[in-house]
Amino acid sequence: MAEVKRNYDATSRRERARQRRRDVVVAAQELFETDGFQATTISAIARRAGVSAESIYKGFGTKAALAKAVFDFVIAGDDEPVPLAERPEIQAIQDEPDVQRKLRLYVDGMIERQTRSARVQILIRDGRHSDDTLRETWQTLLDERLTGMTMFARHLLETGDLRPGITLDEVADVLWTYISVELYELLVLHRGWSPRRYGDHVAAAITTAICPPSV
């Protein structure tokens, strides 16, 4: 009985710690997006989240690391400890036999992720010019995106249905470019395109770039 109690207590502690971390990330996102990265202090985040500033430094290390945690949270849409690559929507793309349909499924998910994460990405990207601590964070975002697109490019090449002679690097670069926050920023945030129109454009552009011409 005592063992069951200890296991329950440990699970309860982990859940409380996870909830506190989630509260900090959400508070940071809200303040970053309303006040900006530089103007937002760890103390302000702590007050909003109902925790101590010391606990934030202990849990995240730096404000830039907290910004990365905010990005990870919004890109996934939750704080479940499941990598994007292992989620059902990605498995559905893997299982889809038609390469153009694979691309459309990926773009549909990308639209949702961009809608959630674009403002945070832009904040990190632009903030690096005035705050050196964000330079490494932005580079990490770029590197992670390229890693993910290289994995997806390899999967697409393995279907045998891409344009003859196209290389892994070219496919990865096309994907990496077309899912960039800059394109979303220009077309959706500045030009007022709907997410659906934006998705149609991206899907068509990627398909044209890497797939054989339709007969």
N, C-alpha and C. Protein backbone atom coordinates (compact mmCIF):
# COMPACT_ATOMS: atom_id res chain seq x y z
N MET A 1 0.83 -1.21 0.00
CA MET A 1 0.00 0.00 0.00
C MET A 1 0.86 1.26 0.00
N ALA A 2 1.97 1.19 0.78
CA ALA A 2 2.87 2.34 0.86
C ALA A 2 3.50 2.61 -0.49
N GLU A 3 3.81 1.52 -1.25
CA GLU A 3 4.41 1.68 -2.57
C GLU A 3 3.45 2.37 -3.52
N VAL A 4 2.16 2.01 -3.46
CA VAL A 4 1.15 2.66 -4.29
C VAL A 4 1.06 4.13 -3.96
N LYS A 5 1.11 4.45 -2.66
CA LYS A 5 1.04 5.85 -2.21
C LYS A 5 2.23 6.64 -2.75
N ARG A 6 3.44 6.03 -2.67
CA ARG A 6 4.64 6.74 -3.16
C ARG A 6 4.54 6.98 -4.66
N ASN A 7 4.07 5.97 -5.40
CA ASN A 7 3.92 6.15 -6.85
C ASN A 7 2.91 7.23 -7.17
N TYR A 8 1.82 7.26 -6.42
CA TYR A 8 0.79 8.29 -6.62
C TYR A 8 1.37 9.68 -6.34
N ASP A 9 2.11 9.79 -5.23
CA ASP A 9 2.70 11.08 -4.87
C ASP A 9 3.69 11.55 -5.94
N ALA A 10 4.49 10.61 -6.47
CA ALA A 10 5.47 10.97 -7.49
C ALA A 10 4.77 11.43 -8.76
N THR A 11 3.71 10.73 -9.15
CA THR A 11 2.95 11.11 -10.34
C THR A 11 2.31 12.47 -10.16
N SER A 12 1.76 12.70 -8.96
CA SER A 12 1.12 13.97 -8.66
C SER A 12 2.13 15.12 -8.70
N ARG A 13 3.32 14.88 -8.17
CA ARG A 13 4.36 15.92 -8.20
C ARG A 13 4.78 16.25 -9.62
N ARG A 14 4.94 15.21 -10.43
CA ARG A 14 5.32 15.44 -11.82
C ARG A 14 4.26 16.23 -12.57
N GLU A 15 3.00 15.92 -12.31
CA GLU A 15 1.93 16.64 -12.98
C GLU A 15 1.86 18.10 -12.53
N ARG A 16 2.08 18.34 -11.24
CA ARG A 16 2.11 19.72 -10.76
C ARG A 16 3.28 20.49 -11.38
N ALA A 17 4.43 19.83 -11.46
CA ALA A 17 5.60 20.48 -12.07
C ALA A 17 5.34 20.78 -13.54
N ARG A 18 4.70 19.85 -14.22
CA ARG A 18 4.38 20.05 -15.63
C ARG A 18 3.39 21.21 -15.80
N GLN A 19 2.41 21.29 -14.90
CA GLN A 19 1.43 22.37 -14.97
C GLN A 19 2.10 23.72 -14.71
N ARG A 20 3.02 23.77 -13.75
CA ARG A 20 3.73 25.02 -13.48
C ARG A 20 4.57 25.45 -14.69
N ARG A 21 5.22 24.48 -15.32
CA ARG A 21 6.01 24.79 -16.51
C ARG A 21 5.11 25.31 -17.62
N ARG A 22 3.95 24.67 -17.80
CA ARG A 22 3.00 25.10 -18.82
C ARG A 22 2.53 26.52 -18.52
N ASP A 23 2.24 26.83 -17.27
CA ASP A 23 1.79 28.17 -16.88
C ASP A 23 2.86 29.22 -17.21
N VAL A 24 4.11 28.87 -16.99
CA VAL A 24 5.21 29.80 -17.29
C VAL A 24 5.30 30.04 -18.79
N VAL A 25 5.23 28.97 -19.57
CA VAL A 25 5.34 29.10 -21.03
C VAL A 25 4.19 29.92 -21.59
N VAL A 26 2.98 29.67 -21.13
CA VAL A 26 1.82 30.43 -21.61
C VAL A 26 1.95 31.90 -21.21
N ALA A 27 2.37 32.16 -19.97
CA ALA A 27 2.55 33.55 -19.53
C ALA A 27 3.61 34.25 -20.37
N ALA A 28 4.70 33.55 -20.66
CA ALA A 28 5.77 34.13 -21.48
C ALA A 28 5.26 34.43 -22.88
N GLN A 29 4.52 33.51 -23.46
CA GLN A 29 3.97 33.74 -24.80
C GLN A 29 3.10 34.99 -24.83
N GLU A 30 2.20 35.11 -23.86
CA GLU A 30 1.30 36.26 -23.82
C GLU A 30 2.07 37.57 -23.70
N LEU A 31 3.06 37.60 -22.82
CA LEU A 31 3.81 38.84 -22.61
C LEU A 31 4.75 39.14 -23.77
N PHE A 32 5.39 38.11 -24.31
CA PHE A 32 6.25 38.32 -25.47
C PHE A 32 5.46 38.93 -26.63
N GLU A 33 4.26 38.39 -26.86
CA GLU A 33 3.48 38.83 -28.01
C GLU A 33 2.86 40.20 -27.81
N THR A 34 2.59 40.60 -26.57
CA THR A 34 1.98 41.91 -26.32
C THR A 34 3.03 43.00 -26.07
N ASP A 35 4.10 42.65 -25.34
CA ASP A 35 5.07 43.66 -24.92
C ASP A 35 6.40 43.58 -25.66
N GLY A 36 6.65 42.46 -26.33
CA GLY A 36 7.94 42.27 -26.99
C GLY A 36 8.91 41.52 -26.10
N PHE A 37 9.95 40.97 -26.72
CA PHE A 37 10.91 40.15 -25.97
C PHE A 37 11.72 41.00 -25.01
N GLN A 38 12.28 42.09 -25.49
CA GLN A 38 13.15 42.90 -24.65
C GLN A 38 12.42 43.50 -23.45
N ALA A 39 11.20 43.98 -23.68
CA ALA A 39 10.47 44.65 -22.61
C ALA A 39 9.92 43.68 -21.57
N THR A 40 9.83 42.43 -21.92
CA THR A 40 9.28 41.43 -20.99
C THR A 40 10.38 40.94 -20.06
N THR A 41 10.13 41.05 -18.78
CA THR A 41 11.11 40.58 -17.80
C THR A 41 10.70 39.23 -17.24
N ILE A 42 11.69 38.52 -16.72
CA ILE A 42 11.40 37.24 -16.07
C ILE A 42 10.49 37.47 -14.86
N SER A 43 10.68 38.58 -14.17
CA SER A 43 9.83 38.88 -13.01
C SER A 43 8.38 39.04 -13.42
N ALA A 44 8.14 39.70 -14.56
CA ALA A 44 6.77 39.88 -15.04
C ALA A 44 6.15 38.54 -15.42
N ILE A 45 6.93 37.69 -16.05
CA ILE A 45 6.44 36.36 -16.40
C ILE A 45 6.11 35.58 -15.14
N ALA A 46 6.98 35.67 -14.16
CA ALA A 46 6.77 34.95 -12.91
C ALA A 46 5.49 35.41 -12.22
N ARG A 47 5.26 36.71 -12.20
CA ARG A 47 4.03 37.22 -11.57
C ARG A 47 2.80 36.69 -12.28
N ARG A 48 2.81 36.72 -13.60
CA ARG A 48 1.65 36.25 -14.35
C ARG A 48 1.43 34.75 -14.15
N ALA A 49 2.52 34.00 -14.07
CA ALA A 49 2.40 32.55 -13.94
C ALA A 49 2.18 32.10 -12.49
N GLY A 50 2.38 33.01 -11.55
CA GLY A 50 2.19 32.65 -10.14
C GLY A 50 3.31 31.81 -9.58
N VAL A 51 4.54 32.06 -10.07
CA VAL A 51 5.71 31.33 -9.57
C VAL A 51 6.80 32.34 -9.25
N SER A 52 7.93 31.85 -8.76
CA SER A 52 9.04 32.74 -8.46
C SER A 52 9.93 32.90 -9.68
N ALA A 53 10.59 34.05 -9.79
CA ALA A 53 11.54 34.27 -10.87
C ALA A 53 12.68 33.26 -10.78
N GLU A 54 13.09 32.93 -9.55
CA GLU A 54 14.16 31.96 -9.36
C GLU A 54 13.81 30.61 -9.96
N SER A 55 12.55 30.20 -9.81
CA SER A 55 12.15 28.90 -10.35
C SER A 55 12.19 28.90 -11.89
N ILE A 56 11.92 30.05 -12.50
CA ILE A 56 11.99 30.14 -13.97
C ILE A 56 13.43 30.01 -14.43
N TYR A 57 14.35 30.72 -13.77
CA TYR A 57 15.76 30.60 -14.12
C TYR A 57 16.24 29.16 -13.92
N LYS A 58 15.77 28.54 -12.86
CA LYS A 58 16.17 27.16 -12.57
C LYS A 58 15.63 26.21 -13.62
N GLY A 59 14.39 26.44 -14.07
CA GLY A 59 13.75 25.53 -15.00
C GLY A 59 14.14 25.74 -16.46
N PHE A 60 14.45 27.01 -16.82
CA PHE A 60 14.71 27.31 -18.23
C PHE A 60 16.12 27.84 -18.50
N GLY A 61 16.72 28.45 -17.50
CA GLY A 61 18.08 28.96 -17.67
C GLY A 61 18.11 30.42 -18.08
N THR A 62 17.63 30.72 -19.28
CA THR A 62 17.69 32.09 -19.79
C THR A 62 16.34 32.46 -20.41
N LYS A 63 16.17 33.75 -20.64
CA LYS A 63 14.94 34.20 -21.29
C LYS A 63 14.88 33.71 -22.73
N ALA A 64 16.04 33.62 -23.39
CA ALA A 64 16.07 33.10 -24.76
C ALA A 64 15.66 31.63 -24.79
N ALA A 65 16.12 30.86 -23.80
CA ALA A 65 15.72 29.45 -23.72
C ALA A 65 14.23 29.34 -23.47
N LEU A 66 13.68 30.26 -22.71
CA LEU A 66 12.24 30.28 -22.48
C LEU A 66 11.50 30.60 -23.78
N ALA A 67 12.05 31.50 -24.59
CA ALA A 67 11.43 31.81 -25.89
C ALA A 67 11.41 30.56 -26.77
N LYS A 68 12.48 29.76 -26.72
CA LYS A 68 12.50 28.51 -27.49
C LYS A 68 11.44 27.55 -26.97
N ALA A 69 11.26 27.50 -25.66
CA ALA A 69 10.22 26.64 -25.07
C ALA A 69 8.83 27.09 -25.51
N VAL A 70 8.64 28.40 -25.62
CA VAL A 70 7.36 28.93 -26.12
C VAL A 70 7.14 28.47 -27.56
N PHE A 71 8.18 28.56 -28.37
CA PHE A 71 8.06 28.11 -29.76
C PHE A 71 7.70 26.63 -29.81
N ASP A 72 8.39 25.81 -29.05
CA ASP A 72 8.12 24.37 -29.05
C ASP A 72 6.67 24.09 -28.66
N PHE A 73 6.17 24.86 -27.72
CA PHE A 73 4.80 24.68 -27.24
C PHE A 73 3.79 25.06 -28.32
N VAL A 74 3.99 26.21 -28.96
CA VAL A 74 3.00 26.65 -29.95
C VAL A 74 3.08 25.86 -31.25
N ILE A 75 4.27 25.39 -31.61
CA ILE A 75 4.40 24.63 -32.85
C ILE A 75 3.70 23.28 -32.71
N ALA A 76 3.76 22.70 -31.51
CA ALA A 76 3.10 21.42 -31.27
C ALA A 76 1.63 21.59 -30.95
N GLY A 77 1.27 22.71 -30.34
CA GLY A 77 -0.12 22.93 -29.94
C GLY A 77 -0.43 22.41 -28.56
N ASP A 78 0.55 21.80 -27.91
CA ASP A 78 0.38 21.28 -26.56
C ASP A 78 1.76 20.99 -25.98
N ASP A 79 1.78 20.47 -24.75
CA ASP A 79 3.07 20.14 -24.13
C ASP A 79 3.20 18.64 -23.89
N GLU A 80 2.47 17.86 -24.69
CA GLU A 80 2.59 16.41 -24.57
C GLU A 80 4.01 15.99 -24.96
N PRO A 81 4.60 15.04 -24.22
CA PRO A 81 5.99 14.63 -24.50
C PRO A 81 6.09 13.67 -25.68
N VAL A 82 5.48 14.07 -26.80
CA VAL A 82 5.48 13.24 -28.01
C VAL A 82 6.04 14.08 -29.16
N PRO A 83 7.18 13.68 -29.74
CA PRO A 83 7.74 14.45 -30.86
C PRO A 83 6.75 14.54 -32.01
N LEU A 84 6.83 15.64 -32.77
CA LEU A 84 5.95 15.82 -33.93
C LEU A 84 6.03 14.63 -34.88
N ALA A 85 7.24 14.12 -35.06
CA ALA A 85 7.45 13.03 -36.03
C ALA A 85 6.71 11.76 -35.63
N GLU A 86 6.32 11.65 -34.37
CA GLU A 86 5.65 10.44 -33.89
C GLU A 86 4.15 10.64 -33.69
N ARG A 87 3.63 11.76 -34.13
CA ARG A 87 2.21 12.04 -33.91
C ARG A 87 1.35 11.46 -35.04
N PRO A 88 0.06 11.20 -34.76
CA PRO A 88 -0.80 10.54 -35.75
C PRO A 88 -0.87 11.25 -37.09
N GLU A 89 -0.86 12.60 -37.10
CA GLU A 89 -0.97 13.31 -38.37
C GLU A 89 0.26 13.07 -39.26
N ILE A 90 1.42 12.91 -38.62
CA ILE A 90 2.63 12.61 -39.40
C ILE A 90 2.60 11.17 -39.88
N GLN A 91 2.09 10.27 -39.06
CA GLN A 91 1.96 8.88 -39.48
C GLN A 91 1.01 8.76 -40.66
N ALA A 92 -0.03 9.59 -40.67
CA ALA A 92 -0.98 9.57 -41.79
C ALA A 92 -0.29 9.97 -43.09
N ILE A 93 0.63 10.93 -43.00
CA ILE A 93 1.40 11.34 -44.19
C ILE A 93 2.29 10.19 -44.65
N GLN A 94 2.93 9.55 -43.71
CA GLN A 94 3.80 8.42 -44.05
C GLN A 94 3.03 7.31 -44.74
N ASP A 95 1.80 7.09 -44.29
CA ASP A 95 1.00 5.97 -44.81
C ASP A 95 0.31 6.28 -46.13
N GLU A 96 0.17 7.57 -46.46
CA GLU A 96 -0.53 7.95 -47.69
C GLU A 96 0.28 7.51 -48.92
N PRO A 97 -0.32 6.75 -49.85
CA PRO A 97 0.45 6.23 -51.00
C PRO A 97 0.72 7.26 -52.10
N ASP A 98 -0.10 8.29 -52.21
CA ASP A 98 0.04 9.25 -53.30
C ASP A 98 0.92 10.41 -52.85
N VAL A 99 1.99 10.70 -53.61
CA VAL A 99 2.96 11.69 -53.18
C VAL A 99 2.37 13.10 -53.14
N GLN A 100 1.51 13.43 -54.10
CA GLN A 100 0.91 14.77 -54.08
C GLN A 100 -0.05 14.91 -52.91
N ARG A 101 -0.73 13.84 -52.57
CA ARG A 101 -1.61 13.87 -51.40
C ARG A 101 -0.78 13.97 -50.12
N LYS A 102 0.38 13.35 -50.10
CA LYS A 102 1.28 13.49 -48.95
C LYS A 102 1.60 14.97 -48.72
N LEU A 103 1.96 15.63 -49.83
CA LEU A 103 2.32 17.05 -49.74
C LEU A 103 1.15 17.89 -49.24
N ARG A 104 -0.05 17.60 -49.73
CA ARG A 104 -1.22 18.36 -49.31
C ARG A 104 -1.50 18.15 -47.82
N LEU A 105 -1.38 16.91 -47.36
CA LEU A 105 -1.58 16.63 -45.94
C LEU A 105 -0.55 17.36 -45.09
N TYR A 106 0.69 17.37 -45.57
CA TYR A 106 1.73 18.07 -44.82
C TYR A 106 1.44 19.56 -44.76
N VAL A 107 1.07 20.15 -45.89
CA VAL A 107 0.81 21.59 -45.94
C VAL A 107 -0.39 21.94 -45.06
N ASP A 108 -1.41 21.11 -45.05
CA ASP A 108 -2.57 21.39 -44.19
C ASP A 108 -2.15 21.47 -42.72
N GLY A 109 -1.30 20.54 -42.29
CA GLY A 109 -0.80 20.59 -40.92
C GLY A 109 0.11 21.78 -40.69
N MET A 110 0.91 22.11 -41.70
CA MET A 110 1.82 23.24 -41.60
C MET A 110 1.06 24.55 -41.41
N ILE A 111 -0.08 24.69 -42.09
CA ILE A 111 -0.88 25.90 -41.93
C ILE A 111 -1.29 26.08 -40.47
N GLU A 112 -1.75 25.01 -39.85
CA GLU A 112 -2.14 25.08 -38.45
C GLU A 112 -0.96 25.47 -37.57
N ARG A 113 0.20 24.86 -37.84
CA ARG A 113 1.38 25.17 -37.03
C ARG A 113 1.85 26.61 -37.24
N GLN A 114 1.79 27.09 -38.49
CA GLN A 114 2.19 28.47 -38.76
C GLN A 114 1.25 29.46 -38.09
N THR A 115 -0.04 29.16 -38.12
CA THR A 115 -1.01 30.04 -37.50
C THR A 115 -0.73 30.20 -36.00
N ARG A 116 -0.36 29.09 -35.37
CA ARG A 116 -0.05 29.13 -33.93
C ARG A 116 1.29 29.77 -33.64
N SER A 117 2.28 29.57 -34.52
CA SER A 117 3.66 29.89 -34.15
C SER A 117 4.26 31.10 -34.85
N ALA A 118 3.61 31.64 -35.88
CA ALA A 118 4.24 32.67 -36.70
C ALA A 118 4.71 33.87 -35.89
N ARG A 119 3.86 34.37 -35.02
CA ARG A 119 4.22 35.58 -34.28
C ARG A 119 5.40 35.33 -33.34
N VAL A 120 5.47 34.15 -32.78
CA VAL A 120 6.60 33.82 -31.91
C VAL A 120 7.87 33.69 -32.74
N GLN A 121 7.79 33.05 -33.91
CA GLN A 121 8.96 32.94 -34.78
C GLN A 121 9.47 34.31 -35.19
N ILE A 122 8.56 35.19 -35.57
CA ILE A 122 8.95 36.53 -36.00
C ILE A 122 9.58 37.30 -34.85
N LEU A 123 9.04 37.13 -33.66
CA LEU A 123 9.58 37.79 -32.48
C LEU A 123 11.02 37.36 -32.24
N ILE A 124 11.28 36.06 -32.36
CA ILE A 124 12.64 35.55 -32.16
C ILE A 124 13.54 36.02 -33.29
N ARG A 125 13.05 35.91 -34.52
CA ARG A 125 13.86 36.31 -35.69
C ARG A 125 14.26 37.78 -35.61
N ASP A 126 13.29 38.66 -35.38
CA ASP A 126 13.58 40.09 -35.36
C ASP A 126 14.30 40.50 -34.10
N GLY A 127 14.02 39.80 -33.00
CA GLY A 127 14.65 40.15 -31.73
C GLY A 127 16.14 39.91 -31.70
N ARG A 128 16.61 39.02 -32.58
CA ARG A 128 18.04 38.69 -32.56
C ARG A 128 18.90 39.88 -32.99
N HIS A 129 18.31 40.86 -33.68
CA HIS A 129 19.07 42.02 -34.12
C HIS A 129 19.38 42.98 -32.96
N SER A 130 18.56 42.94 -31.94
CA SER A 130 18.77 43.84 -30.79
C SER A 130 19.11 43.10 -29.51
N ASP A 131 19.04 41.78 -29.56
CA ASP A 131 19.36 40.98 -28.37
C ASP A 131 20.15 39.76 -28.81
N ASP A 132 21.44 39.76 -28.50
CA ASP A 132 22.31 38.68 -28.96
C ASP A 132 21.90 37.31 -28.43
N THR A 133 21.20 37.27 -27.31
CA THR A 133 20.83 35.97 -26.75
C THR A 133 19.86 35.21 -27.65
N LEU A 134 19.18 35.93 -28.56
CA LEU A 134 18.23 35.27 -29.44
C LEU A 134 18.87 34.77 -30.74
N ARG A 135 20.11 35.15 -31.01
CA ARG A 135 20.75 34.72 -32.24
C ARG A 135 20.83 33.19 -32.32
N GLU A 136 21.29 32.59 -31.24
CA GLU A 136 21.43 31.14 -31.22
C GLU A 136 20.06 30.47 -31.28
N THR A 137 19.08 31.06 -30.62
CA THR A 137 17.73 30.50 -30.64
C THR A 137 17.17 30.49 -32.05
N TRP A 138 17.34 31.59 -32.78
CA TRP A 138 16.84 31.65 -34.16
C TRP A 138 17.56 30.65 -35.04
N GLN A 139 18.88 30.55 -34.87
CA GLN A 139 19.63 29.58 -35.67
C GLN A 139 19.17 28.15 -35.37
N THR A 140 18.85 27.89 -34.11
CA THR A 140 18.33 26.56 -33.75
C THR A 140 17.03 26.28 -34.46
N LEU A 141 16.15 27.27 -34.54
CA LEU A 141 14.89 27.10 -35.25
C LEU A 141 15.13 26.77 -36.72
N LEU A 142 16.06 27.49 -37.35
CA LEU A 142 16.38 27.24 -38.75
C LEU A 142 16.95 25.83 -38.94
N ASP A 143 17.86 25.45 -38.05
CA ASP A 143 18.50 24.13 -38.16
C ASP A 143 17.48 23.01 -37.95
N GLU A 144 16.60 23.19 -36.98
CA GLU A 144 15.59 22.16 -36.72
C GLU A 144 14.63 22.02 -37.90
N ARG A 145 14.29 23.15 -38.52
CA ARG A 145 13.40 23.10 -39.68
C ARG A 145 14.08 22.36 -40.83
N LEU A 146 15.35 22.63 -41.05
CA LEU A 146 16.06 21.96 -42.13
C LEU A 146 16.20 20.46 -41.85
N THR A 147 16.45 20.11 -40.61
CA THR A 147 16.54 18.69 -40.24
C THR A 147 15.22 17.98 -40.52
N GLY A 148 14.12 18.61 -40.11
CA GLY A 148 12.80 18.02 -40.35
C GLY A 148 12.49 17.90 -41.83
N MET A 149 12.83 18.91 -42.60
CA MET A 149 12.54 18.88 -44.03
C MET A 149 13.45 17.90 -44.77
N THR A 150 14.66 17.69 -44.28
CA THR A 150 15.53 16.69 -44.88
C THR A 150 14.97 15.29 -44.65
N MET A 151 14.44 15.04 -43.46
CA MET A 151 13.81 13.75 -43.19
C MET A 151 12.59 13.55 -44.09
N PHE A 152 11.78 14.59 -44.25
CA PHE A 152 10.59 14.49 -45.10
C PHE A 152 11.00 14.32 -46.56
N ALA A 153 12.04 15.04 -46.97
CA ALA A 153 12.52 14.93 -48.35
C ALA A 153 12.99 13.51 -48.64
N ARG A 154 13.67 12.91 -47.69
CA ARG A 154 14.15 11.54 -47.89
C ARG A 154 12.97 10.59 -48.05
N HIS A 155 11.94 10.80 -47.23
CA HIS A 155 10.73 9.96 -47.35
C HIS A 155 10.07 10.14 -48.72
N LEU A 156 9.98 11.38 -49.18
CA LEU A 156 9.37 11.63 -50.48
C LEU A 156 10.18 11.01 -51.62
N LEU A 157 11.50 11.10 -51.54
CA LEU A 157 12.35 10.50 -52.57
C LEU A 157 12.19 8.98 -52.62
N GLU A 158 11.99 8.39 -51.45
CA GLU A 158 11.85 6.94 -51.40
C GLU A 158 10.58 6.44 -52.07
N THR A 159 9.63 7.34 -52.32
CA THR A 159 8.42 6.91 -53.04
C THR A 159 8.73 6.64 -54.51
N GLY A 160 9.78 7.25 -55.04
CA GLY A 160 10.11 7.10 -56.45
C GLY A 160 9.23 7.93 -57.37
N ASP A 161 8.44 8.84 -56.80
CA ASP A 161 7.47 9.59 -57.59
C ASP A 161 7.84 11.06 -57.77
N LEU A 162 9.05 11.43 -57.44
CA LEU A 162 9.46 12.83 -57.62
C LEU A 162 10.09 13.01 -59.00
N ARG A 163 10.39 14.25 -59.33
CA ARG A 163 10.96 14.58 -60.63
C ARG A 163 12.29 13.85 -60.83
N PRO A 164 12.48 13.21 -61.97
CA PRO A 164 13.73 12.48 -62.22
C PRO A 164 14.96 13.37 -62.05
N GLY A 165 15.96 12.85 -61.37
CA GLY A 165 17.22 13.58 -61.20
C GLY A 165 17.26 14.53 -60.04
N ILE A 166 16.15 14.77 -59.37
CA ILE A 166 16.14 15.72 -58.26
C ILE A 166 16.88 15.10 -57.07
N THR A 167 17.63 15.93 -56.37
CA THR A 167 18.47 15.44 -55.26
C THR A 167 17.79 15.65 -53.91
N LEU A 168 18.32 14.96 -52.93
CA LEU A 168 17.82 15.12 -51.56
C LEU A 168 17.95 16.57 -51.11
N ASP A 169 19.10 17.18 -51.37
CA ASP A 169 19.31 18.56 -50.93
C ASP A 169 18.33 19.52 -51.60
N GLU A 170 18.05 19.30 -52.88
CA GLU A 170 17.12 20.20 -53.57
C GLU A 170 15.72 20.07 -53.00
N VAL A 171 15.27 18.84 -52.77
CA VAL A 171 13.94 18.64 -52.20
C VAL A 171 13.86 19.28 -50.82
N ALA A 172 14.87 19.04 -49.99
CA ALA A 172 14.89 19.61 -48.64
C ALA A 172 14.88 21.14 -48.69
N ASP A 173 15.66 21.71 -49.61
CA ASP A 173 15.73 23.17 -49.70
C ASP A 173 14.40 23.76 -50.16
N VAL A 174 13.73 23.11 -51.10
CA VAL A 174 12.43 23.59 -51.57
C VAL A 174 11.43 23.57 -50.41
N LEU A 175 11.37 22.46 -49.70
CA LEU A 175 10.45 22.35 -48.56
C LEU A 175 10.80 23.38 -47.49
N TRP A 176 12.07 23.50 -47.15
CA TRP A 176 12.55 24.40 -46.11
C TRP A 176 12.19 25.85 -46.43
N THR A 177 12.27 26.19 -47.72
CA THR A 177 11.96 27.56 -48.14
C THR A 177 10.47 27.84 -48.11
N TYR A 178 9.67 26.93 -48.67
CA TYR A 178 8.25 27.21 -48.80
C TYR A 178 7.47 27.14 -47.48
N ILE A 179 8.04 26.49 -46.47
CA ILE A 179 7.33 26.49 -45.18
C ILE A 179 7.88 27.56 -44.24
N SER A 180 8.74 28.44 -44.75
CA SER A 180 9.34 29.46 -43.91
C SER A 180 8.30 30.44 -43.40
N VAL A 181 8.57 30.99 -42.24
CA VAL A 181 7.64 31.96 -41.65
C VAL A 181 7.60 33.24 -42.49
N GLU A 182 8.68 33.51 -43.23
CA GLU A 182 8.71 34.72 -44.05
C GLU A 182 7.61 34.72 -45.11
N LEU A 183 7.37 33.58 -45.74
CA LEU A 183 6.33 33.51 -46.76
C LEU A 183 4.95 33.69 -46.13
N TYR A 184 4.74 33.06 -44.99
CA TYR A 184 3.48 33.23 -44.27
C TYR A 184 3.29 34.69 -43.86
N GLU A 185 4.36 35.30 -43.39
CA GLU A 185 4.30 36.70 -42.97
C GLU A 185 3.89 37.61 -44.13
N LEU A 186 4.51 37.40 -45.28
CA LEU A 186 4.22 38.25 -46.44
C LEU A 186 2.78 38.08 -46.94
N LEU A 187 2.37 36.83 -47.12
CA LEU A 187 1.10 36.58 -47.79
C LEU A 187 -0.11 36.63 -46.85
N VAL A 188 0.05 36.10 -45.64
CA VAL A 188 -1.09 36.05 -44.71
C VAL A 188 -1.14 37.29 -43.83
N LEU A 189 -0.04 37.60 -43.17
CA LEU A 189 -0.07 38.71 -42.22
C LEU A 189 -0.05 40.08 -42.90
N HIS A 190 0.67 40.20 -44.02
CA HIS A 190 0.76 41.50 -44.68
C HIS A 190 -0.24 41.67 -45.83
N ARG A 191 -0.40 40.63 -46.64
CA ARG A 191 -1.28 40.75 -47.80
C ARG A 191 -2.69 40.26 -47.53
N GLY A 192 -2.92 39.70 -46.38
CA GLY A 192 -4.28 39.34 -45.99
C GLY A 192 -4.83 38.08 -46.64
N TRP A 193 -3.96 37.22 -47.17
CA TRP A 193 -4.45 35.96 -47.72
C TRP A 193 -5.06 35.12 -46.61
N SER A 194 -6.08 34.37 -46.95
CA SER A 194 -6.62 33.42 -45.98
C SER A 194 -5.65 32.25 -45.84
N PRO A 195 -5.65 31.58 -44.69
CA PRO A 195 -4.78 30.40 -44.54
C PRO A 195 -5.04 29.36 -45.63
N ARG A 196 -6.30 29.20 -46.04
CA ARG A 196 -6.60 28.22 -47.07
C ARG A 196 -5.96 28.61 -48.41
N ARG A 197 -6.07 29.88 -48.78
CA ARG A 197 -5.45 30.33 -50.03
C ARG A 197 -3.94 30.17 -49.97
N TYR A 198 -3.38 30.52 -48.84
CA TYR A 198 -1.94 30.37 -48.64
C TYR A 198 -1.53 28.90 -48.78
N GLY A 199 -2.30 28.01 -48.17
CA GLY A 199 -1.99 26.59 -48.26
C GLY A 199 -2.09 26.07 -49.68
N ASP A 200 -3.10 26.51 -50.41
CA ASP A 200 -3.23 26.09 -51.81
C ASP A 200 -2.00 26.52 -52.62
N HIS A 201 -1.56 27.75 -52.37
CA HIS A 201 -0.40 28.28 -53.10
C HIS A 201 0.86 27.48 -52.77
N VAL A 202 1.09 27.23 -51.49
CA VAL A 202 2.30 26.51 -51.08
C VAL A 202 2.29 25.08 -51.61
N ALA A 203 1.14 24.41 -51.49
CA ALA A 203 1.05 23.04 -51.98
C ALA A 203 1.32 22.96 -53.47
N ALA A 204 0.74 23.90 -54.23
CA ALA A 204 0.93 23.92 -55.69
C ALA A 204 2.39 24.22 -56.04
N ALA A 205 3.00 25.17 -55.32
CA ALA A 205 4.38 25.55 -55.61
C ALA A 205 5.34 24.40 -55.33
N ILE A 206 5.17 23.73 -54.21
CA ILE A 206 6.05 22.61 -53.88
C ILE A 206 5.86 21.47 -54.87
N THR A 207 4.60 21.17 -55.20
CA THR A 207 4.30 20.09 -56.14
C THR A 207 4.95 20.37 -57.50
N THR A 208 4.83 21.60 -57.98
CA THR A 208 5.42 21.97 -59.26
C THR A 208 6.94 21.86 -59.23
N ALA A 209 7.53 22.22 -58.10
CA ALA A 209 8.99 22.24 -57.99
C ALA A 209 9.61 20.85 -57.91
N ILE A 210 8.94 19.90 -57.28
CA ILE A 210 9.62 18.62 -57.03
C ILE A 210 8.97 17.41 -57.69
N CYS A 211 7.76 17.57 -58.23
CA CYS A 211 7.07 16.44 -58.86
C CYS A 211 7.15 16.54 -60.38
N PRO A 212 7.03 15.42 -61.09
CA PRO A 212 7.02 15.47 -62.56
C PRO A 212 5.80 16.23 -63.04
N PRO A 213 5.87 16.85 -64.20
CA PRO A 213 4.69 17.56 -64.76
C PRO A 213 3.53 16.59 -64.96
N SER A 214 2.35 17.07 -64.70
CA SER A 214 1.16 16.23 -64.95
C SER A 214 0.95 16.08 -66.45
N VAL A 215 0.61 14.89 -66.86
CA VAL A 215 0.39 14.63 -68.29
C VAL A 215 -0.99 15.11 -68.69
